[in-house]
Amino acid sequence: MQEIKNDKINKDAKIAVLCGGMSSEAEVSRRSGKGCFDALQRLGFKNAELVEVDENISENLKKGHYDYAFNALHGKYGEDGCVQGILEILHIPYTGCGVMASSMCMNKEYTKRILSTCPDIPMAKSAFVRKGDDVLEKTKDLIYPLFTKPVCEGSSFGMTKVDRKEDLKAAYEVALKYNDDVLVEEFIDGFFVTVGVLEKDGKAFATEILEIRPKNEWYDFEAKYSQGMSEFICPANLSKEVTERVKEVAVKAFETAGCRSVSRIDFMMKDDIPYLLEINTSPGMTTVSDLPAQAKAMGIDYDHLVLTILNSAGLNK
């Protein structure tokens, strides 16, 4: 196991583990938060507390007099810069990305726009469709099959694989239930890999690459969060050269997007080319989540992964 020292955070510090929230991913966040809280307790941070996030979070954080916040929130309000802004105003150092990177990476369309400034970051061809737009007209230059995705949603909520033009409008309507903006992206017929990016002493590094083979047609919510619904291969079955390339692209994307502390970068691999799908700035930390598996493969167990993330609190300025 890699040695992760705690030379930054006092064991007596009062730490708010933020979880739950008001997004469609609230239950997953509670599972992430409980795991992180239990790890902090085992690590000796006895003043850590689980804090359920709701519309009173600002007042609750002020009353709690917390020294640090460990962000285990996922989705709207917790991963999009909102809670990060509250923490900035309250001068509470927190884990994860800052306001700007959180907000931008939560929006898949704007993530692609920022990353498109780097020609060495491959991405699938896509179209951005707002509510009220003619989805067929906007996507006329795309080649089927397609994926429709709400631009600001996680855990595969609202996503649909579309094989025929006749089915696009219905899939678009499903995505609109979650967001008024929809990303329609060409389907890449490859295999899914994901890589974590962490920071140690302010320097970003990539974890091992996790290859995921879902038992469903694609990596949907059931495949992500149900035990036994996906096969995980870590390290991924890639050549040494391709492995290094994926890690380089992941760190490049992390830095280009202004990320700090922790993120997870998802790719589709085809012909040894890593096509970037999205950046997750608050990755899941459940027992079946990707980031803990990636860290474990490089010698960082769950507790020390939590410690690594905790040690980065306050880097997100």
Foldseek 3Di string as FASTA:
>chain_A
DDDDDQPFDDLAFAEEEEAQEDAPCRVLLVQLSVLLQVLSVVVRNVNYDYDYDDPCVLVVCVVVVGQAYEQSYDFPCRQQQNVLVSCVVVVHFYFFAHRQLSNQQLFQVSLCVLCVVPVLAAAFDKFKDFAPGDVCVRCVPADDFKWKAQRRGDQQQLIDTRGDPVCVVVSNVSRVVRPRMIMIGHDDPAWKKKWKWFDDPFDIFIFAIKTKAFQPPDCHNCSQPPPPRIDIDTNDPDDPVLRVSVRVSVVVSCVSSLIHGMKMWMFGDDPSRTHTRGIRRNFRNHPRTDVQVRNVSVPQHSSNSSSRRVSRGPVND
